[in-house]
Protein backbone atom coordinates (compact mmCIF):
# COMPACT_ATOMS: atom_id res chain seq x y z
CA MET A 1 8.57 7.79 -3.26
CA LEU A 2 10.77 7.96 -6.33
CA THR A 3 14.48 8.03 -5.61
CA LEU A 4 16.38 11.22 -6.26
CA LYS A 5 18.88 9.18 -8.28
CA VAL A 6 16.20 8.03 -10.73
CA ILE A 7 14.96 11.60 -11.21
CA THR A 8 18.35 13.26 -11.64
CA GLU A 9 19.70 10.60 -14.01
CA ASN A 10 16.77 10.65 -16.44
CA PRO A 11 14.18 13.36 -15.67
CA ASP A 12 12.61 13.22 -19.15
CA GLU A 13 11.95 9.48 -18.80
CA VAL A 14 10.33 10.05 -15.40
CA ILE A 15 8.09 12.77 -16.83
CA ARG A 16 7.12 10.55 -19.77
CA LYS A 17 6.21 7.59 -17.57
CA LEU A 18 4.22 9.68 -15.10
CA ALA A 19 2.24 11.13 -17.99
CA ARG A 20 0.87 7.58 -18.45
CA LYS A 21 -0.70 8.04 -15.00
CA HIS A 22 -2.03 11.35 -16.27
CA PHE A 23 0.20 13.23 -13.85
CA ASP A 24 2.02 16.31 -15.17
CA ALA A 25 5.43 16.01 -13.53
CA LYS A 26 7.26 18.77 -15.42
CA GLU A 27 6.97 21.46 -12.75
CA PRO A 28 7.67 19.29 -9.66
CA ILE A 29 10.58 17.53 -11.38
CA ALA A 30 12.07 20.88 -12.43
CA LYS A 31 11.77 22.11 -8.84
CA VAL A 32 13.41 18.94 -7.50
CA LEU A 33 16.34 19.35 -9.93
CA GLU A 34 16.74 23.01 -8.95
CA LEU A 35 16.75 22.20 -5.23
CA ASP A 36 19.14 19.32 -5.81
CA LYS A 37 21.62 21.71 -7.43
CA VAL A 38 21.46 23.90 -4.33
CA ARG A 39 21.88 20.85 -2.11
CA ARG A 40 24.84 19.57 -4.11
CA ALA A 41 26.52 23.00 -4.13
CA SER A 42 26.09 23.27 -0.36
CA GLN A 43 27.45 19.74 0.05
CA SER A 44 30.50 20.55 -2.08
CA SER A 45 31.20 23.76 -0.16
CA LEU A 46 30.68 21.99 3.15
CA ASP A 47 33.12 19.24 2.21
CA ALA A 48 35.72 21.83 1.22
CA VAL A 49 35.28 23.81 4.45
CA LEU A 50 35.45 20.65 6.59
CA ALA A 51 38.68 19.66 4.82
CA GLU A 52 40.12 23.11 5.51
CA ILE A 53 39.07 22.92 9.16
CA ASN A 54 40.76 19.53 9.44
CA THR A 55 44.00 20.87 7.96
CA LEU A 56 44.00 24.00 10.11
CA SER A 57 43.19 22.07 13.28
CA LYS A 58 46.18 19.81 12.72
CA SER A 59 48.45 22.86 12.33
CA VAL A 60 47.47 24.32 15.70
CA GLY A 61 49.37 21.67 17.64
CA GLN A 62 52.51 22.13 15.53
CA LEU A 63 52.42 25.91 15.93
CA MET A 64 52.10 25.55 19.70
CA LYS A 65 55.09 23.22 19.75
CA GLU A 66 57.06 25.82 17.86
CA GLY A 67 56.05 28.48 20.36
CA LYS A 68 54.03 30.41 17.82
CA ARG A 69 51.13 31.06 20.14
CA ASP A 70 49.81 34.13 18.32
CA GLU A 71 49.71 32.27 15.00
CA ALA A 72 48.06 29.31 16.70
CA GLN A 73 45.43 31.61 18.22
CA SER A 74 44.79 33.19 14.83
CA VAL A 75 44.27 29.72 13.31
CA LYS A 76 41.90 28.79 16.14
CA GLU A 77 39.81 31.89 15.44
CA LYS A 78 39.71 31.05 11.75
CA VAL A 79 38.60 27.51 12.58
CA ALA A 80 35.83 28.89 14.81
CA SER A 81 34.69 31.16 11.97
CA LEU A 82 34.72 28.27 9.52
CA LYS A 83 32.67 26.13 11.91
CA GLU A 84 29.97 28.82 11.89
CA LYS A 85 30.03 28.63 8.11
CA THR A 86 29.57 24.85 8.22
CA ALA A 87 26.44 25.33 10.31
CA ASP A 88 24.99 27.62 7.63
CA LEU A 89 25.92 25.20 4.84
CA GLN A 90 24.45 22.25 6.73
CA SER A 91 21.27 24.23 7.32
CA SER A 92 21.08 25.00 3.59
CA MET A 93 21.54 21.32 2.76
CA ASP A 94 18.91 20.19 5.27
CA SER A 95 16.45 22.82 4.07
CA SER A 96 16.92 21.81 0.43
CA GLN A 97 16.51 18.11 1.26
CA GLU A 98 13.38 18.80 3.28
CA GLU A 99 11.85 20.73 0.37
CA ILE A 100 12.84 17.95 -2.05
CA ASN A 101 11.15 15.34 0.16
CA LYS A 102 7.97 17.42 0.39
CA ILE A 103 7.77 17.48 -3.39
CA LEU A 104 8.67 13.80 -3.77
CA TYR A 105 5.77 12.89 -1.49
CA THR A 106 3.41 14.49 -4.03
CA ILE A 107 4.78 12.60 -7.04
CA PRO A 108 3.20 9.18 -7.76
CA ASN A 109 5.03 6.01 -8.66
CA MET A 110 5.97 5.36 -12.28
CA PRO A 111 3.97 2.62 -14.04
CA TYR A 112 5.74 -0.36 -15.57
CA ASP A 113 5.99 -0.40 -19.35
CA ASP A 114 3.43 -3.21 -19.71
CA VAL A 115 0.71 -1.25 -17.88
CA PRO A 116 -2.15 -0.53 -20.32
CA ASP A 117 -2.68 3.05 -21.47
CA GLY A 118 -5.90 4.73 -20.39
CA LYS A 119 -7.58 7.22 -18.08
CA THR A 120 -10.47 5.44 -16.36
CA ALA A 121 -11.75 2.02 -15.30
CA GLU A 122 -13.28 1.59 -18.76
CA ASP A 123 -9.74 1.39 -20.15
CA ASN A 124 -8.66 -1.49 -17.89
CA GLU A 125 -7.71 -4.68 -19.70
CA VAL A 126 -9.60 -7.89 -18.89
CA VAL A 127 -6.89 -10.56 -18.99
CA LYS A 128 -8.79 -13.61 -17.73
CA MET A 129 -12.23 -14.86 -16.67
CA GLY A 130 -13.12 -17.95 -14.68
CA ASN A 131 -16.05 -19.97 -13.27
CA GLU A 132 -19.52 -19.86 -14.76
CA ILE A 133 -21.97 -17.04 -14.11
CA PRO A 134 -25.11 -18.59 -12.59
CA THR A 135 -28.56 -18.11 -14.08
CA LEU A 136 -30.94 -16.94 -11.38
CA PRO A 137 -34.76 -16.87 -11.52
CA GLU A 138 -36.51 -13.60 -12.28
CA ASN A 139 -37.46 -13.06 -8.64
CA ALA A 140 -33.84 -13.41 -7.40
CA LEU A 141 -33.09 -11.13 -4.45
CA PRO A 142 -30.08 -8.84 -3.95
CA HIS A 143 -27.92 -9.67 -0.96
CA TRP A 144 -29.37 -6.96 1.29
CA GLU A 145 -32.82 -8.53 0.90
CA LEU A 146 -31.42 -12.03 1.46
CA ALA A 147 -29.60 -10.81 4.56
CA LYS A 148 -32.92 -9.53 5.93
CA LYS A 149 -34.89 -12.62 4.91
CA TYR A 150 -32.50 -15.02 6.67
CA ASP A 151 -31.62 -12.62 9.52
CA LEU A 152 -27.90 -12.58 8.62
CA ILE A 153 -27.02 -8.87 8.61
CA ASP A 154 -28.81 -5.94 10.22
CA PHE A 155 -27.96 -2.72 8.38
CA GLU A 156 -30.47 -0.60 10.31
CA LEU A 157 -29.07 -1.72 13.66
CA GLY A 158 -25.63 -0.68 12.43
CA VAL A 159 -27.01 2.78 11.65
CA LYS A 160 -28.45 2.98 15.15
CA ILE A 161 -25.19 1.99 16.85
CA THR A 162 -22.75 3.89 14.63
CA GLY A 163 -24.05 5.09 11.26
CA ALA A 164 -24.46 3.99 7.66
CA GLY A 165 -21.75 1.63 6.43
CA PHE A 166 -21.28 -0.20 9.75
CA PRO A 167 -23.43 -3.36 9.51
CA VAL A 168 -24.12 -5.82 12.33
CA TYR A 169 -23.61 -9.49 11.41
CA LYS A 170 -25.84 -11.97 13.25
CA GLY A 171 -26.15 -15.73 13.66
CA LEU A 172 -25.19 -17.55 10.47
CA GLY A 173 -24.18 -14.20 8.96
CA ALA A 174 -21.53 -13.80 11.67
CA ARG A 175 -20.56 -17.45 11.25
CA LEU A 176 -20.12 -16.93 7.50
CA GLN A 177 -17.77 -14.01 8.20
CA ARG A 178 -15.72 -16.14 10.59
CA ALA A 179 -15.73 -19.09 8.16
CA LEU A 180 -14.31 -16.93 5.37
CA ILE A 181 -11.69 -15.36 7.63
CA ASN A 182 -10.48 -18.77 8.82
CA PHE A 183 -10.55 -20.22 5.30
CA PHE A 184 -8.51 -17.34 3.87
CA LEU A 185 -5.98 -17.48 6.72
CA ASP A 186 -5.61 -21.26 6.42
CA GLU A 187 -5.03 -20.94 2.67
CA ALA A 188 -2.44 -18.21 3.23
CA ARG A 189 -0.63 -20.28 5.84
CA ALA A 190 -0.58 -23.28 3.48
CA ALA A 191 0.99 -21.00 0.85
CA GLY A 192 3.83 -20.11 3.22
CA TYR A 193 2.61 -16.80 4.64
CA LEU A 194 3.40 -16.01 8.28
CA GLU A 195 0.31 -14.74 10.08
CA ILE A 196 0.61 -11.34 11.77
CA MET A 197 -1.89 -9.74 14.14
CA PRO A 198 -1.01 -6.02 13.91
CA PRO A 199 -2.53 -2.90 15.50
CA THR A 200 -5.46 -1.36 13.63
CA VAL A 201 -4.34 2.19 14.44
CA VAL A 202 -1.04 3.57 13.17
CA ASN A 203 1.05 6.68 13.61
CA GLN A 204 1.75 9.29 10.96
CA ALA A 205 5.14 7.81 10.04
CA SER A 206 3.46 4.53 9.12
CA GLY A 207 0.94 6.34 6.92
CA TYR A 208 3.76 8.11 5.08
CA GLY A 209 5.76 4.90 4.85
CA THR A 210 3.24 3.06 2.66
CA GLY A 211 1.91 6.13 0.85
CA GLN A 212 -1.51 6.60 2.45
CA LEU A 213 -0.23 9.99 3.58
CA PRO A 214 -0.40 12.56 2.23
CA ASP A 215 -2.28 11.07 -0.78
CA LYS A 216 -5.31 9.56 1.01
CA GLU A 217 -5.42 11.60 4.19
CA GLY A 218 -9.06 12.60 3.62
CA GLN A 219 -10.11 8.95 3.28
CA MET A 220 -8.64 7.83 6.61
CA TYR A 221 -10.25 8.15 10.02
CA HIS A 222 -8.00 10.38 12.11
CA CYS A 223 -7.84 10.24 15.92
CA GLU A 224 -6.79 13.86 16.29
CA VAL A 225 -6.05 13.95 20.03
CA ASP A 226 -3.41 11.22 19.71
CA ASP A 227 -2.57 11.92 16.03
CA LEU A 228 -3.23 8.29 15.09
CA TYR A 229 -5.03 6.85 12.07
CA LEU A 230 -7.40 3.89 11.74
CA ILE A 231 -5.96 1.60 9.09
CA PRO A 232 -7.64 1.37 5.66
CA THR A 233 -5.86 -1.97 5.09
CA ALA A 234 -3.46 -4.29 6.92
CA GLU A 235 -0.89 -3.34 4.27
CA VAL A 236 -0.04 -0.29 6.39
CA PRO A 237 0.97 -1.87 9.72
CA VAL A 238 2.40 -5.07 8.22
CA THR A 239 4.63 -3.35 5.66
CA ASN A 240 5.77 -0.87 8.31
CA ILE A 241 7.20 -3.74 10.34
CA TYR A 242 10.13 -3.40 7.94
CA ARG A 243 10.53 0.37 8.17
CA ASP A 244 14.17 1.34 8.89
CA VAL A 245 15.22 -2.31 8.63
CA ILE A 246 18.08 -3.85 6.65
CA LEU A 247 17.23 -7.44 5.73
CA ASP A 248 19.43 -10.32 4.64
CA GLU A 249 18.90 -11.32 1.01
CA LYS A 250 18.75 -15.01 1.96
CA ASP A 251 15.61 -14.28 4.04
CA LEU A 252 13.71 -12.87 1.04
CA PRO A 253 11.00 -13.03 -0.02
CA ILE A 254 9.32 -12.34 3.29
CA LYS A 255 5.68 -13.46 3.16
CA ASN A 256 3.19 -12.14 5.74
CA CYS A 257 -0.57 -12.27 5.99
CA ALA A 258 -2.95 -10.55 8.38
CA TYR A 259 -6.64 -10.44 9.20
CA THR A 260 -7.83 -7.02 10.38
CA GLN A 261 -10.81 -4.77 10.44
CA CYS A 262 -10.35 -1.95 7.92
CA PHE A 263 -11.76 1.57 8.09
CA ARG A 264 -12.43 3.91 5.18
CA ARG A 265 -14.40 7.13 5.13
CA GLU A 266 -15.38 6.59 1.48
CA ALA A 267 -16.24 10.27 1.15
CA GLY A 268 -18.25 11.03 -1.97
CA SER A 269 -19.70 7.54 -2.44
CA TYR A 270 -23.40 7.37 -3.22
CA GLY A 271 -26.18 5.55 -5.08
CA LYS A 272 -26.09 1.86 -6.01
CA ASP A 273 -22.40 1.65 -5.11
CA VAL A 274 -23.23 1.88 -1.40
CA ARG A 275 -26.24 -0.47 -1.21
CA GLY A 276 -25.85 -3.25 1.34
CA LEU A 277 -22.31 -4.59 1.46
CA ASN A 278 -21.16 -2.90 -1.74
CA ARG A 279 -19.25 -0.17 0.06
CA LEU A 280 -18.68 -0.01 3.82
CA HIS A 281 -16.82 2.19 6.28
CA GLU A 282 -15.72 -0.81 8.35
CA PHE A 283 -15.07 -4.27 6.96
CA SER A 284 -12.97 -7.40 7.43
CA LYS A 285 -10.09 -8.25 5.13
CA ILE A 286 -7.17 -10.65 4.88
CA GLU A 287 -4.08 -9.05 3.35
CA ILE A 288 -0.98 -10.73 1.94
CA VAL A 289 2.27 -8.76 1.93
CA ARG A 290 5.66 -9.58 0.42
CA ILE A 291 9.08 -7.98 0.76
CA ASP A 292 11.36 -9.12 -2.05
CA THR A 293 14.42 -8.45 -4.17
CA PRO A 294 14.08 -6.46 -7.41
CA GLU A 295 15.11 -9.55 -9.39
CA HIS A 296 12.37 -11.78 -7.95
CA SER A 297 9.48 -9.38 -7.30
CA LYS A 298 7.73 -9.98 -10.62
CA GLU A 299 7.70 -13.71 -9.92
CA SER A 300 6.31 -12.96 -6.46
CA HIS A 301 3.58 -10.86 -8.07
CA LYS A 302 2.57 -13.79 -10.30
CA GLU A 303 2.46 -16.13 -7.30
CA MET A 304 0.23 -13.69 -5.41
CA LEU A 305 -2.13 -13.41 -8.39
CA ASN A 306 -2.33 -17.21 -8.60
CA HIS A 307 -3.07 -17.39 -4.87
CA VAL A 308 -6.01 -14.98 -5.09
CA GLU A 309 -7.36 -16.69 -8.20
CA GLY A 310 -7.16 -20.03 -6.38
CA LEU A 311 -9.36 -18.69 -3.57
CA LEU A 312 -12.05 -17.58 -6.02
CA LYS A 313 -11.93 -20.92 -7.83
CA LYS A 314 -12.46 -22.78 -4.56
CA LEU A 315 -15.35 -20.49 -3.62
CA GLU A 316 -16.88 -21.27 -7.05
CA LEU A 317 -17.46 -17.59 -7.72
CA PRO A 318 -17.43 -16.23 -11.29
CA TYR A 319 -14.48 -13.86 -11.53
CA ARG A 320 -12.44 -11.78 -13.90
CA ILE A 321 -8.93 -10.35 -13.64
CA LEU A 322 -8.18 -6.85 -14.89
CA HIS A 323 -4.80 -5.25 -15.55
CA LEU A 324 -5.37 -1.65 -14.49
CA CYS A 325 -4.51 1.13 -16.91
CA GLY A 326 -2.18 3.97 -15.92
CA GLY A 327 -4.99 6.39 -15.12
CA ASP A 328 -6.87 3.96 -12.85
CA MET A 329 -3.91 2.74 -10.80
CA SER A 330 -3.24 3.83 -7.26
CA PHE A 331 -0.78 6.61 -6.42
CA THR A 332 1.83 4.15 -5.15
CA ALA A 333 1.55 1.15 -7.52
CA ALA A 334 3.91 0.38 -10.40
CA THR A 335 1.49 -2.27 -11.67
CA CYS A 336 -1.81 -3.60 -10.35
CA TYR A 337 -4.32 -6.33 -11.16
CA ASP A 338 -7.88 -6.20 -9.82
CA PHE A 339 -10.06 -9.23 -9.19
CA GLU A 340 -13.81 -8.82 -9.58
CA VAL A 341 -16.61 -11.27 -8.82
CA PHE A 342 -19.98 -11.25 -10.53
CA SER A 343 -22.95 -10.38 -8.36
CA ALA A 344 -25.73 -12.27 -10.16
CA ALA A 345 -28.76 -10.55 -8.60
CA GLN A 346 -27.27 -7.07 -9.07
CA LYS A 347 -25.94 -8.11 -12.50
CA ARG A 348 -22.65 -6.30 -11.97
CA TRP A 349 -18.99 -6.94 -11.27
CA LEU A 350 -17.67 -6.13 -7.80
CA GLU A 351 -14.00 -5.57 -6.99
CA VAL A 352 -12.75 -7.89 -4.24
CA SER A 353 -8.97 -7.65 -4.51
CA SER A 354 -6.14 -5.50 -5.83
CA VAL A 355 -2.73 -7.13 -6.10
CA SER A 356 0.07 -4.61 -6.59
CA ASN A 357 3.82 -4.39 -7.05
CA PHE A 358 5.18 -1.09 -5.74
CA ASP A 359 8.75 -1.61 -6.96
CA THR A 360 11.03 0.48 -4.67
CA TYR A 361 8.46 3.27 -4.15
CA GLN A 362 7.30 2.27 -0.67
CA ALA A 363 10.71 0.87 0.30
CA ASN A 364 12.34 4.24 -0.38
CA ARG A 365 9.90 5.93 1.99
CA LEU A 366 10.31 3.15 4.54
CA LYS A 367 14.09 2.86 4.17
CA CYS A 368 13.47 -0.88 3.81
CA ARG A 369 16.67 -2.38 2.41
CA PHE A 370 18.52 -5.66 2.06
CA LYS A 371 22.13 -6.76 1.80
CA GLY A 372 23.41 -9.53 -0.42
CA ALA A 373 26.80 -11.20 -0.74
CA ASP A 374 28.43 -7.89 -1.70
CA LYS A 375 27.27 -6.36 1.63
CA LYS A 376 25.87 -3.31 -0.18
CA ALA A 377 22.46 -2.14 1.01
CA GLN A 378 19.84 -1.67 -1.68
CA LEU A 379 16.12 -0.99 -1.67
CA CYS A 380 13.65 -3.88 -1.49
CA HIS A 381 10.51 -4.24 -3.57
CA THR A 382 7.20 -4.36 -1.70
CA LEU A 383 3.99 -6.07 -2.85
CA ASN A 384 0.56 -6.66 -1.39
CA GLY A 385 -2.92 -7.83 -2.19
CA SER A 386 -6.32 -8.59 -0.68
CA ALA A 387 -6.81 -12.31 -0.16
CA LEU A 388 -9.61 -11.46 0.28
CA ALA A 389 -11.88 -8.56 1.31
CA LEU A 390 -15.07 -10.02 2.78
CA PRO A 391 -18.08 -7.75 2.11
CA ARG A 392 -18.43 -8.20 -1.65
CA ILE A 393 -17.43 -11.86 -1.40
CA VAL A 394 -20.33 -12.31 1.03
CA ALA A 395 -22.64 -10.32 -1.26
CA SER A 396 -21.80 -12.53 -4.23
CA LEU A 397 -21.97 -15.77 -2.23
CA LEU A 398 -25.46 -14.93 -0.97
CA GLU A 399 -26.80 -13.80 -4.34
CA ASN A 400 -25.20 -16.43 -6.57
CA ASN A 401 -26.05 -19.38 -4.32
CA GLN A 402 -29.69 -18.56 -3.51
CA THR A 403 -32.14 -21.42 -4.12
CA PRO A 404 -35.83 -21.97 -3.29
CA ASP A 405 -34.67 -23.94 -0.23
CA GLY A 406 -32.14 -21.40 1.06
CA ILE A 407 -28.58 -20.30 0.35
CA LYS A 408 -26.15 -23.04 -0.59
CA ILE A 409 -22.75 -22.95 1.12
CA PRO A 410 -19.72 -23.60 -1.16
CA LYS A 411 -18.19 -27.01 -0.42
CA VAL A 412 -14.89 -25.51 0.73
CA LEU A 413 -16.69 -23.53 3.47
CA VAL A 414 -18.89 -26.33 4.80
CA PRO A 415 -16.28 -27.56 7.34
CA TYR A 416 -15.93 -23.99 8.63
CA MET A 417 -19.68 -23.30 8.71
CA GLY A 418 -20.84 -26.62 10.10
CA CYS A 419 -23.73 -26.63 7.65
CA ASP A 420 -24.26 -26.76 3.89
CA MET A 421 -27.28 -24.46 3.68
CA ILE A 422 -28.54 -21.22 5.18
CA ARG A 423 -32.27 -21.59 5.74
């Protein structure tokens, strides 16, 4: 969440920047400032009362030494009365801070100045394209037909076992999943990322820490009896490793990666967007996460973008990189680039990765800080990205590499697959 310091020092700037995310912050910011005045007044009064209690308490001993028992008793009674007042002032402070936090949780992150203006995905800026789009024959099949033809994925069996959006991978289809997972993890390890195997269910504090709660509560699967949530991305458990932690600046940037299953309700999705692997409720994904200093986080972001682009180059998939506009960015991101691959049989672009810098927004929720040479604790920057999400990668690989003899396996995956064709 935004820091109270940023809001109180320049509320008009905060309102202006949030307007670029098409969020009207005037009313919540005004309420935060009003509550902060109450909190500050209570703090000032509390400090004054505590100082008076300290002075009076010291005088009790002297009065007793002087034999002035009645005066000492009177001072003790006044101290007791003042202590009751401190309880009321502390309660007022706590109440104000609690209300401030509730409001801050509803305010999104501010976009960086270089984020493109716009409201929807149509306003996103294409900054780069790579690899050639293949030309397929007229009778080219979409991936869901190829999956059936070569017995790779059984969507109907998934419906039987669980429901729509939970496919069953079989034979070479399962092997392709495993090949991609291992390839992505090996590439991440070679790039210096430490592999983490985290839980795939998290508590409420973890959801609030990375911003999934309360913003995306309706999109997460909730285990109500235990009040736990199935993760929508490994970002949640991995970033929460550093909740309530003070790091040493010399250890930054921290680079973690994780393979997990991810779970998303995807409420409201319909039509062509949910055909086959286009949109699932459960899917595999490798996530890269960085914890960094404010001075170096933009460089880290560039390195993460280069890493994801390198994966797509090696997979020989046509891709494009988009800088998301203010209106299409996530609640928590300060800047975000999406990677899309071209699905040749569907003739459409499919998002396969979002690489975001959250500035101090998540770190402030997490209380994730670092200390440098001056020994002063300050908030870290957090970053993450998909490297990569599997379903749409698989969809594009199947469609783009179909031939009359079968589906050609990209060279980089052959050692992992143990074959160069799916027949």
